[in-house]
mmCIF file of all heavy atoms, coordinates in Angstrom:
data_MODEL
# 
_entry.id   MODEL 
# 
loop_
_atom_site.group_PDB 
_atom_site.id 
_atom_site.type_symbol 
_atom_site.label_atom_id 
_atom_site.label_alt_id 
_atom_site.label_comp_id 
_atom_site.label_asym_id 
_atom_site.label_entity_id 
_atom_site.label_seq_id 
_atom_site.pdbx_PDB_ins_code 
_atom_site.Cartn_x 
_atom_site.Cartn_y 
_atom_site.Cartn_z 
_atom_site.occupancy 
_atom_site.B_iso_or_equiv 
_atom_site.pdbx_formal_charge 
_atom_site.auth_seq_id 
_atom_site.auth_comp_id 
_atom_site.auth_asym_id 
_atom_site.auth_atom_id 
_atom_site.pdbx_PDB_model_num 
ATOM 1   N N   . ARG A 1 1  ? 1.223   -16.628 -3.882 1.00 0.00 ? 1  ARG A N   1 
ATOM 2   C CA  . ARG A 1 1  ? -0.088  -16.010 -3.681 1.00 0.00 ? 1  ARG A CA  1 
ATOM 3   C C   . ARG A 1 1  ? -0.520  -16.226 -2.234 1.00 0.00 ? 1  ARG A C   1 
ATOM 4   O O   . ARG A 1 1  ? -0.393  -17.326 -1.693 1.00 0.00 ? 1  ARG A O   1 
ATOM 5   C CB  . ARG A 1 1  ? -1.126  -16.590 -4.623 1.00 0.00 ? 1  ARG A CB  1 
ATOM 6   C CG  . ARG A 1 1  ? -2.536  -16.002 -4.403 1.00 0.00 ? 1  ARG A CG  1 
ATOM 7   C CD  . ARG A 1 1  ? -3.486  -16.343 -5.518 1.00 0.00 ? 1  ARG A CD  1 
ATOM 8   N NE  . ARG A 1 1  ? -3.680  -17.782 -5.657 1.00 0.00 ? 1  ARG A NE  1 
ATOM 9   C CZ  . ARG A 1 1  ? -4.378  -18.333 -6.644 1.00 0.00 ? 1  ARG A CZ  1 
ATOM 10  N NH1 . ARG A 1 1  ? -4.907  -17.576 -7.582 1.00 0.00 ? 1  ARG A NH1 1 
ATOM 11  N NH2 . ARG A 1 1  ? -4.520  -19.647 -6.707 1.00 0.00 ? 1  ARG A NH2 1 
ATOM 12  N N   . ALA A 1 2  ? -1.001  -15.168 -1.632 1.00 0.00 ? 2  ALA A N   1 
ATOM 13  C CA  . ALA A 1 2  ? -1.611  -15.232 -0.306 1.00 0.00 ? 2  ALA A CA  1 
ATOM 14  C C   . ALA A 1 2  ? -3.111  -15.014 -0.473 1.00 0.00 ? 2  ALA A C   1 
ATOM 15  O O   . ALA A 1 2  ? -3.540  -13.979 -1.009 1.00 0.00 ? 2  ALA A O   1 
ATOM 16  C CB  . ALA A 1 2  ? -1.021  -14.173 0.620  1.00 0.00 ? 2  ALA A CB  1 
ATOM 17  N N   . THR A 1 3  ? -3.914  -15.985 -0.048 1.00 0.00 ? 3  THR A N   1 
ATOM 18  C CA  . THR A 1 3  ? -5.368  -15.934 -0.237 1.00 0.00 ? 3  THR A CA  1 
ATOM 19  C C   . THR A 1 3  ? -6.065  -15.998 1.118  1.00 0.00 ? 3  THR A C   1 
ATOM 20  O O   . THR A 1 3  ? -5.740  -16.850 1.946  1.00 0.00 ? 3  THR A O   1 
ATOM 21  C CB  . THR A 1 3  ? -5.839  -17.115 -1.098 1.00 0.00 ? 3  THR A CB  1 
ATOM 22  O OG1 . THR A 1 3  ? -5.098  -17.145 -2.321 1.00 0.00 ? 3  THR A OG1 1 
ATOM 23  C CG2 . THR A 1 3  ? -7.329  -16.991 -1.426 1.00 0.00 ? 3  THR A CG2 1 
ATOM 24  N N   . ASP A 1 4  ? -7.015  -15.071 1.341  1.00 0.00 ? 4  ASP A N   1 
ATOM 25  C CA  . ASP A 1 4  ? -7.761  -15.130 2.600  1.00 0.00 ? 4  ASP A CA  1 
ATOM 26  C C   . ASP A 1 4  ? -8.970  -16.058 2.445  1.00 0.00 ? 4  ASP A C   1 
ATOM 27  O O   . ASP A 1 4  ? -9.255  -16.557 1.363  1.00 0.00 ? 4  ASP A O   1 
ATOM 28  C CB  . ASP A 1 4  ? -8.158  -13.727 3.071  1.00 0.00 ? 4  ASP A CB  1 
ATOM 29  C CG  . ASP A 1 4  ? -9.162  -13.042 2.140  1.00 0.00 ? 4  ASP A CG  1 
ATOM 30  O OD1 . ASP A 1 4  ? -9.853  -13.751 1.387  1.00 0.00 ? 4  ASP A OD1 1 
ATOM 31  O OD2 . ASP A 1 4  ? -9.256  -11.810 2.166  1.00 0.00 ? 4  ASP A OD2 1 
ATOM 32  N N   . ASN A 1 5  ? -9.671  -16.268 3.544  1.00 0.00 ? 5  ASN A N   1 
ATOM 33  C CA  . ASN A 1 5  ? -10.814 -17.189 3.514  1.00 0.00 ? 5  ASN A CA  1 
ATOM 34  C C   . ASN A 1 5  ? -12.135 -16.439 3.692  1.00 0.00 ? 5  ASN A C   1 
ATOM 35  O O   . ASN A 1 5  ? -13.086 -16.955 4.264  1.00 0.00 ? 5  ASN A O   1 
ATOM 36  C CB  . ASN A 1 5  ? -10.669 -18.261 4.601  1.00 0.00 ? 5  ASN A CB  1 
ATOM 37  C CG  . ASN A 1 5  ? -10.712 -17.670 5.999  1.00 0.00 ? 5  ASN A CG  1 
ATOM 38  O OD1 . ASN A 1 5  ? -10.434 -16.474 6.188  1.00 0.00 ? 5  ASN A OD1 1 
ATOM 39  N ND2 . ASN A 1 5  ? -11.053 -18.474 7.003  1.00 0.00 ? 5  ASN A ND2 1 
ATOM 40  N N   . GLY A 1 6  ? -12.159 -15.215 3.140  1.00 0.00 ? 6  GLY A N   1 
ATOM 41  C CA  . GLY A 1 6  ? -13.394 -14.441 3.192  1.00 0.00 ? 6  GLY A CA  1 
ATOM 42  C C   . GLY A 1 6  ? -14.470 -15.057 2.329  1.00 0.00 ? 6  GLY A C   1 
ATOM 43  O O   . GLY A 1 6  ? -14.222 -15.971 1.515  1.00 0.00 ? 6  GLY A O   1 
ATOM 44  N N   . LEU A 1 7  ? -15.692 -14.543 2.485  1.00 0.00 ? 7  LEU A N   1 
ATOM 45  C CA  . LEU A 1 7  ? -16.818 -15.068 1.724  1.00 0.00 ? 7  LEU A CA  1 
ATOM 46  C C   . LEU A 1 7  ? -16.547 -14.970 0.230  1.00 0.00 ? 7  LEU A C   1 
ATOM 47  O O   . LEU A 1 7  ? -16.833 -15.876 -0.543 1.00 0.00 ? 7  LEU A O   1 
ATOM 48  C CB  . LEU A 1 7  ? -18.099 -14.303 2.100  1.00 0.00 ? 7  LEU A CB  1 
ATOM 49  C CG  . LEU A 1 7  ? -19.406 -14.942 1.639  1.00 0.00 ? 7  LEU A CG  1 
ATOM 50  C CD1 . LEU A 1 7  ? -19.541 -16.354 2.181  1.00 0.00 ? 7  LEU A CD1 1 
ATOM 51  C CD2 . LEU A 1 7  ? -20.585 -14.080 2.041  1.00 0.00 ? 7  LEU A CD2 1 
ATOM 52  N N   . SER A 1 8  ? -15.997 -13.808 -0.165 1.00 0.00 ? 8  SER A N   1 
ATOM 53  C CA  . SER A 1 8  ? -15.447 -13.660 -1.523 1.00 0.00 ? 8  SER A CA  1 
ATOM 54  C C   . SER A 1 8  ? -13.939 -13.531 -1.341 1.00 0.00 ? 8  SER A C   1 
ATOM 55  O O   . SER A 1 8  ? -13.443 -12.441 -1.024 1.00 0.00 ? 8  SER A O   1 
ATOM 56  C CB  . SER A 1 8  ? -16.015 -12.429 -2.230 1.00 0.00 ? 8  SER A CB  1 
ATOM 57  O OG  . SER A 1 8  ? -17.403 -12.557 -2.417 1.00 0.00 ? 8  SER A OG  1 
ATOM 58  N N   . SER A 1 9  ? -13.220 -14.626 -1.476 1.00 0.00 ? 9  SER A N   1 
ATOM 59  C CA  . SER A 1 9  ? -11.797 -14.625 -1.130 1.00 0.00 ? 9  SER A CA  1 
ATOM 60  C C   . SER A 1 9  ? -11.017 -13.668 -2.016 1.00 0.00 ? 9  SER A C   1 
ATOM 61  O O   . SER A 1 9  ? -11.281 -13.554 -3.211 1.00 0.00 ? 9  SER A O   1 
ATOM 62  C CB  . SER A 1 9  ? -11.222 -16.036 -1.258 1.00 0.00 ? 9  SER A CB  1 
ATOM 63  O OG  . SER A 1 9  ? -11.299 -16.481 -2.589 1.00 0.00 ? 9  SER A OG  1 
ATOM 64  N N   . LEU A 1 10 ? -10.094 -12.972 -1.380 1.00 0.00 ? 10 LEU A N   1 
ATOM 65  C CA  . LEU A 1 10 ? -9.208  -12.049 -2.079 1.00 0.00 ? 10 LEU A CA  1 
ATOM 66  C C   . LEU A 1 10 ? -7.776  -12.523 -1.884 1.00 0.00 ? 10 LEU A C   1 
ATOM 67  O O   . LEU A 1 10 ? -7.480  -13.315 -0.992 1.00 0.00 ? 10 LEU A O   1 
ATOM 68  C CB  . LEU A 1 10 ? -9.370  -10.631 -1.539 1.00 0.00 ? 10 LEU A CB  1 
ATOM 69  C CG  . LEU A 1 10 ? -10.758 -9.992  -1.718 1.00 0.00 ? 10 LEU A CG  1 
ATOM 70  C CD1 . LEU A 1 10 ? -10.785 -8.610  -1.092 1.00 0.00 ? 10 LEU A CD1 1 
ATOM 71  C CD2 . LEU A 1 10 ? -11.136 -9.906  -3.195 1.00 0.00 ? 10 LEU A CD2 1 
ATOM 72  N N   . ASP A 1 11 ? -6.886  -12.033 -2.750 1.00 0.00 ? 11 ASP A N   1 
ATOM 73  C CA  . ASP A 1 11 ? -5.497  -12.461 -2.638 1.00 0.00 ? 11 ASP A CA  1 
ATOM 74  C C   . ASP A 1 11 ? -4.548  -11.351 -3.043 1.00 0.00 ? 11 ASP A C   1 
ATOM 75  O O   . ASP A 1 11 ? -4.941  -10.329 -3.590 1.00 0.00 ? 11 ASP A O   1 
ATOM 76  C CB  . ASP A 1 11 ? -5.240  -13.722 -3.474 1.00 0.00 ? 11 ASP A CB  1 
ATOM 77  C CG  . ASP A 1 11 ? -5.614  -13.547 -4.939 1.00 0.00 ? 11 ASP A CG  1 
ATOM 78  O OD1 . ASP A 1 11 ? -5.436  -12.433 -5.463 1.00 0.00 ? 11 ASP A OD1 1 
ATOM 79  O OD2 . ASP A 1 11 ? -6.074  -14.517 -5.564 1.00 0.00 ? 11 ASP A OD2 1 
ATOM 80  N N   . ASP A 1 12 ? -3.283  -11.579 -2.736 1.00 0.00 ? 12 ASP A N   1 
ATOM 81  C CA  . ASP A 1 12 ? -2.201  -10.724 -3.192 1.00 0.00 ? 12 ASP A CA  1 
ATOM 82  C C   . ASP A 1 12 ? -1.098  -11.644 -3.681 1.00 0.00 ? 12 ASP A C   1 
ATOM 83  O O   . ASP A 1 12 ? -1.012  -12.807 -3.270 1.00 0.00 ? 12 ASP A O   1 
ATOM 84  C CB  . ASP A 1 12 ? -1.685  -9.834  -2.044 1.00 0.00 ? 12 ASP A CB  1 
ATOM 85  C CG  . ASP A 1 12 ? -0.746  -8.753  -2.552 1.00 0.00 ? 12 ASP A CG  1 
ATOM 86  O OD1 . ASP A 1 12 ? -0.766  -8.466  -3.764 1.00 0.00 ? 12 ASP A OD1 1 
ATOM 87  O OD2 . ASP A 1 12 ? 0.014   -8.183  -1.731 1.00 0.00 ? 12 ASP A OD2 1 
ATOM 88  N N   . VAL A 1 13 ? -0.271  -11.149 -4.600 1.00 0.00 ? 13 VAL A N   1 
ATOM 89  C CA  . VAL A 1 13 ? 0.814   -11.957 -5.128 1.00 0.00 ? 13 VAL A CA  1 
ATOM 90  C C   . VAL A 1 13 ? 2.143   -11.243 -4.916 1.00 0.00 ? 13 VAL A C   1 
ATOM 91  O O   . VAL A 1 13 ? 2.205   -10.017 -4.848 1.00 0.00 ? 13 VAL A O   1 
ATOM 92  C CB  . VAL A 1 13 ? 0.624   -12.272 -6.626 1.00 0.00 ? 13 VAL A CB  1 
ATOM 93  C CG1 . VAL A 1 13 ? -0.589  -13.142 -6.846 1.00 0.00 ? 13 VAL A CG1 1 
ATOM 94  C CG2 . VAL A 1 13 ? 0.551   -11.003 -7.451 1.00 0.00 ? 13 VAL A CG2 1 
ATOM 95  N N   . CYS A 1 14 ? 3.196   -12.009 -4.820 1.00 0.00 ? 14 CYS A N   1 
ATOM 96  C CA  . CYS A 1 14 ? 4.548   -11.485 -4.648 1.00 0.00 ? 14 CYS A CA  1 
ATOM 97  C C   . CYS A 1 14 ? 5.486   -12.321 -5.506 1.00 0.00 ? 14 CYS A C   1 
ATOM 98  O O   . CYS A 1 14 ? 5.543   -13.542 -5.361 1.00 0.00 ? 14 CYS A O   1 
ATOM 99  C CB  . CYS A 1 14 ? 4.965   -11.534 -3.175 1.00 0.00 ? 14 CYS A CB  1 
ATOM 100 S SG  . CYS A 1 14 ? 6.658   -11.005 -2.870 1.00 0.00 ? 14 CYS A SG  1 
ATOM 101 N N   . THR A 1 15 ? 6.203   -11.679 -6.426 1.00 0.00 ? 15 THR A N   1 
ATOM 102 C CA  . THR A 1 15 ? 7.154   -12.365 -7.281 1.00 0.00 ? 15 THR A CA  1 
ATOM 103 C C   . THR A 1 15 ? 8.551   -12.218 -6.692 1.00 0.00 ? 15 THR A C   1 
ATOM 104 O O   . THR A 1 15 ? 8.990   -11.112 -6.395 1.00 0.00 ? 15 THR A O   1 
ATOM 105 C CB  . THR A 1 15 ? 7.114   -11.817 -8.710 1.00 0.00 ? 15 THR A CB  1 
ATOM 106 O OG1 . THR A 1 15 ? 5.794   -11.995 -9.238 1.00 0.00 ? 15 THR A OG1 1 
ATOM 107 C CG2 . THR A 1 15 ? 8.089   -12.551 -9.600 1.00 0.00 ? 15 THR A CG2 1 
ATOM 108 N N   . ILE A 1 16 ? 9.242   -13.330 -6.555 1.00 0.00 ? 16 ILE A N   1 
ATOM 109 C CA  . ILE A 1 16 ? 10.533  -13.366 -5.861 1.00 0.00 ? 16 ILE A CA  1 
ATOM 110 C C   . ILE A 1 16 ? 11.567  -14.010 -6.765 1.00 0.00 ? 16 ILE A C   1 
ATOM 111 O O   . ILE A 1 16 ? 11.313  -15.038 -7.401 1.00 0.00 ? 16 ILE A O   1 
ATOM 112 C CB  . ILE A 1 16 ? 10.414  -14.180 -4.550 1.00 0.00 ? 16 ILE A CB  1 
ATOM 113 C CG1 . ILE A 1 16 ? 9.335   -13.580 -3.640 1.00 0.00 ? 16 ILE A CG1 1 
ATOM 114 C CG2 . ILE A 1 16 ? 11.754  -14.252 -3.828 1.00 0.00 ? 16 ILE A CG2 1 
ATOM 115 C CD1 . ILE A 1 16 ? 8.884   -14.521 -2.545 1.00 0.00 ? 16 ILE A CD1 1 
ATOM 116 N N   . LYS A 1 17 ? 12.754  -13.394 -6.816 1.00 0.00 ? 17 LYS A N   1 
ATOM 117 C CA  . LYS A 1 17 ? 13.872  -14.007 -7.537 1.00 0.00 ? 17 LYS A CA  1 
ATOM 118 C C   . LYS A 1 17 ? 14.724  -14.794 -6.558 1.00 0.00 ? 17 LYS A C   1 
ATOM 119 O O   . LYS A 1 17 ? 15.194  -14.254 -5.560 1.00 0.00 ? 17 LYS A O   1 
ATOM 120 C CB  . LYS A 1 17 ? 14.733  -12.955 -8.237 1.00 0.00 ? 17 LYS A CB  1 
ATOM 121 C CG  . LYS A 1 17 ? 15.915  -13.561 -8.995 1.00 0.00 ? 17 LYS A CG  1 
ATOM 122 C CD  . LYS A 1 17 ? 16.706  -12.520 -9.758 1.00 0.00 ? 17 LYS A CD  1 
ATOM 123 C CE  . LYS A 1 17 ? 17.653  -11.763 -8.850 1.00 0.00 ? 17 LYS A CE  1 
ATOM 124 N NZ  . LYS A 1 17 ? 18.591  -10.918 -9.630 1.00 0.00 ? 17 LYS A NZ  1 
ATOM 125 N N   . VAL A 1 18 ? 14.930  -16.073 -6.858 1.00 0.00 ? 18 VAL A N   1 
ATOM 126 C CA  . VAL A 1 18 ? 15.803  -16.923 -6.048 1.00 0.00 ? 18 VAL A CA  1 
ATOM 127 C C   . VAL A 1 18 ? 17.111  -17.110 -6.821 1.00 0.00 ? 18 VAL A C   1 
ATOM 128 O O   . VAL A 1 18 ? 17.115  -17.628 -7.941 1.00 0.00 ? 18 VAL A O   1 
ATOM 129 C CB  . VAL A 1 18 ? 15.167  -18.300 -5.763 1.00 0.00 ? 18 VAL A CB  1 
ATOM 130 C CG1 . VAL A 1 18 ? 16.105  -19.148 -4.907 1.00 0.00 ? 18 VAL A CG1 1 
ATOM 131 C CG2 . VAL A 1 18 ? 13.811  -18.126 -5.084 1.00 0.00 ? 18 VAL A CG2 1 
ATOM 132 N N   . THR A 1 19 ? 18.212  -16.659 -6.253 1.00 0.00 ? 19 THR A N   1 
ATOM 133 C CA  . THR A 1 19 ? 19.521  -16.764 -6.891 1.00 0.00 ? 19 THR A CA  1 
ATOM 134 C C   . THR A 1 19 ? 20.232  -18.033 -6.423 1.00 0.00 ? 19 THR A C   1 
ATOM 135 O O   . THR A 1 19 ? 20.341  -18.273 -5.221 1.00 0.00 ? 19 THR A O   1 
ATOM 136 C CB  . THR A 1 19 ? 20.387  -15.541 -6.556 1.00 0.00 ? 19 THR A CB  1 
ATOM 137 O OG1 . THR A 1 19 ? 19.713  -14.349 -6.999 1.00 0.00 ? 19 THR A OG1 1 
ATOM 138 C CG2 . THR A 1 19 ? 21.744  -15.624 -7.240 1.00 0.00 ? 19 THR A CG2 1 
ATOM 139 N N   . ILE A 1 20 ? 20.676  -18.835 -7.364 1.00 0.00 ? 20 ILE A N   1 
ATOM 140 C CA  . ILE A 1 20 ? 21.400  -20.061 -7.060 1.00 0.00 ? 20 ILE A CA  1 
ATOM 141 C C   . ILE A 1 20 ? 22.887  -19.729 -6.982 1.00 0.00 ? 20 ILE A C   1 
ATOM 142 O O   . ILE A 1 20 ? 23.468  -19.194 -7.936 1.00 0.00 ? 20 ILE A O   1 
ATOM 143 C CB  . ILE A 1 20 ? 21.144  -21.157 -8.114 1.00 0.00 ? 20 ILE A CB  1 
ATOM 144 C CG1 . ILE A 1 20 ? 19.643  -21.332 -8.338 1.00 0.00 ? 20 ILE A CG1 1 
ATOM 145 C CG2 . ILE A 1 20 ? 21.800  -22.459 -7.693 1.00 0.00 ? 20 ILE A CG2 1 
ATOM 146 C CD1 . ILE A 1 20 ? 18.867  -21.718 -7.108 1.00 0.00 ? 20 ILE A CD1 1 
ATOM 147 N N   . LEU A 1 21 ? 23.507  -20.031 -5.851 1.00 0.00 ? 21 LEU A N   1 
ATOM 148 C CA  . LEU A 1 21 ? 24.910  -19.708 -5.626 1.00 0.00 ? 21 LEU A CA  1 
ATOM 149 C C   . LEU A 1 21 ? 25.809  -20.881 -6.029 1.00 0.00 ? 21 LEU A C   1 
ATOM 150 O O   . LEU A 1 21 ? 25.506  -22.030 -5.749 1.00 0.00 ? 21 LEU A O   1 
ATOM 151 C CB  . LEU A 1 21 ? 25.143  -19.365 -4.150 1.00 0.00 ? 21 LEU A CB  1 
ATOM 152 C CG  . LEU A 1 21 ? 24.339  -18.193 -3.582 1.00 0.00 ? 21 LEU A CG  1 
ATOM 153 C CD1 . LEU A 1 21 ? 24.681  -17.994 -2.111 1.00 0.00 ? 21 LEU A CD1 1 
ATOM 154 C CD2 . LEU A 1 21 ? 24.596  -16.918 -4.371 1.00 0.00 ? 21 LEU A CD2 1 
ATOM 155 N N   . ASP A 1 22 ? 26.904  -20.546 -6.672 1.00 0.00 ? 22 ASP A N   1 
ATOM 156 C CA  . ASP A 1 22 ? 27.871  -21.556 -7.055 1.00 0.00 ? 22 ASP A CA  1 
ATOM 157 C C   . ASP A 1 22 ? 28.697  -21.979 -5.843 1.00 0.00 ? 22 ASP A C   1 
ATOM 158 O O   . ASP A 1 22 ? 29.010  -21.159 -4.979 1.00 0.00 ? 22 ASP A O   1 
ATOM 159 C CB  . ASP A 1 22 ? 28.796  -20.995 -8.127 1.00 0.00 ? 22 ASP A CB  1 
ATOM 160 C CG  . ASP A 1 22 ? 29.717  -22.052 -8.708 1.00 0.00 ? 22 ASP A CG  1 
ATOM 161 O OD1 . ASP A 1 22 ? 29.253  -23.175 -8.927 1.00 0.00 ? 22 ASP A OD1 1 
ATOM 162 O OD2 . ASP A 1 22 ? 30.899  -21.740 -8.946 1.00 0.00 ? 22 ASP A OD2 1 
ATOM 163 N N   . ILE A 1 23 ? 29.018  -23.248 -5.766 1.00 0.00 ? 23 ILE A N   1 
ATOM 164 C CA  . ILE A 1 23 ? 29.956  -23.726 -4.760 1.00 0.00 ? 23 ILE A CA  1 
ATOM 165 C C   . ILE A 1 23 ? 31.111  -24.404 -5.486 1.00 0.00 ? 23 ILE A C   1 
ATOM 166 O O   . ILE A 1 23 ? 30.975  -24.828 -6.649 1.00 0.00 ? 23 ILE A O   1 
ATOM 167 C CB  . ILE A 1 23 ? 29.299  -24.711 -3.760 1.00 0.00 ? 23 ILE A CB  1 
ATOM 168 C CG1 . ILE A 1 23 ? 28.798  -25.976 -4.479 1.00 0.00 ? 23 ILE A CG1 1 
ATOM 169 C CG2 . ILE A 1 23 ? 28.170  -24.034 -2.997 1.00 0.00 ? 23 ILE A CG2 1 
ATOM 170 C CD1 . ILE A 1 23 ? 28.275  -27.039 -3.534 1.00 0.00 ? 23 ILE A CD1 1 
ATOM 171 N N   . ASN A 1 24 ? 32.221  -24.489 -4.831 1.00 0.00 ? 24 ASN A N   1 
ATOM 172 C CA  . ASN A 1 24 ? 33.410  -25.083 -5.443 1.00 0.00 ? 24 ASN A CA  1 
ATOM 173 C C   . ASN A 1 24 ? 33.326  -26.599 -5.306 1.00 0.00 ? 24 ASN A C   1 
ATOM 174 O O   . ASN A 1 24 ? 34.016  -27.212 -4.497 1.00 0.00 ? 24 ASN A O   1 
ATOM 175 C CB  . ASN A 1 24 ? 34.659  -24.534 -4.765 1.00 0.00 ? 24 ASN A CB  1 
ATOM 176 C CG  . ASN A 1 24 ? 35.924  -24.877 -5.539 1.00 0.00 ? 24 ASN A CG  1 
ATOM 177 O OD1 . ASN A 1 24 ? 35.851  -25.448 -6.616 1.00 0.00 ? 24 ASN A OD1 1 
ATOM 178 N ND2 . ASN A 1 24 ? 37.072  -24.548 -4.987 1.00 0.00 ? 24 ASN A ND2 1 
# 
């Protein structure tokens, strides 16, 4: 979430997939 510091704060959200890579 990104939130501003306005008098009435507003925000936006971003959902991210993190892929875990296999190592040998």
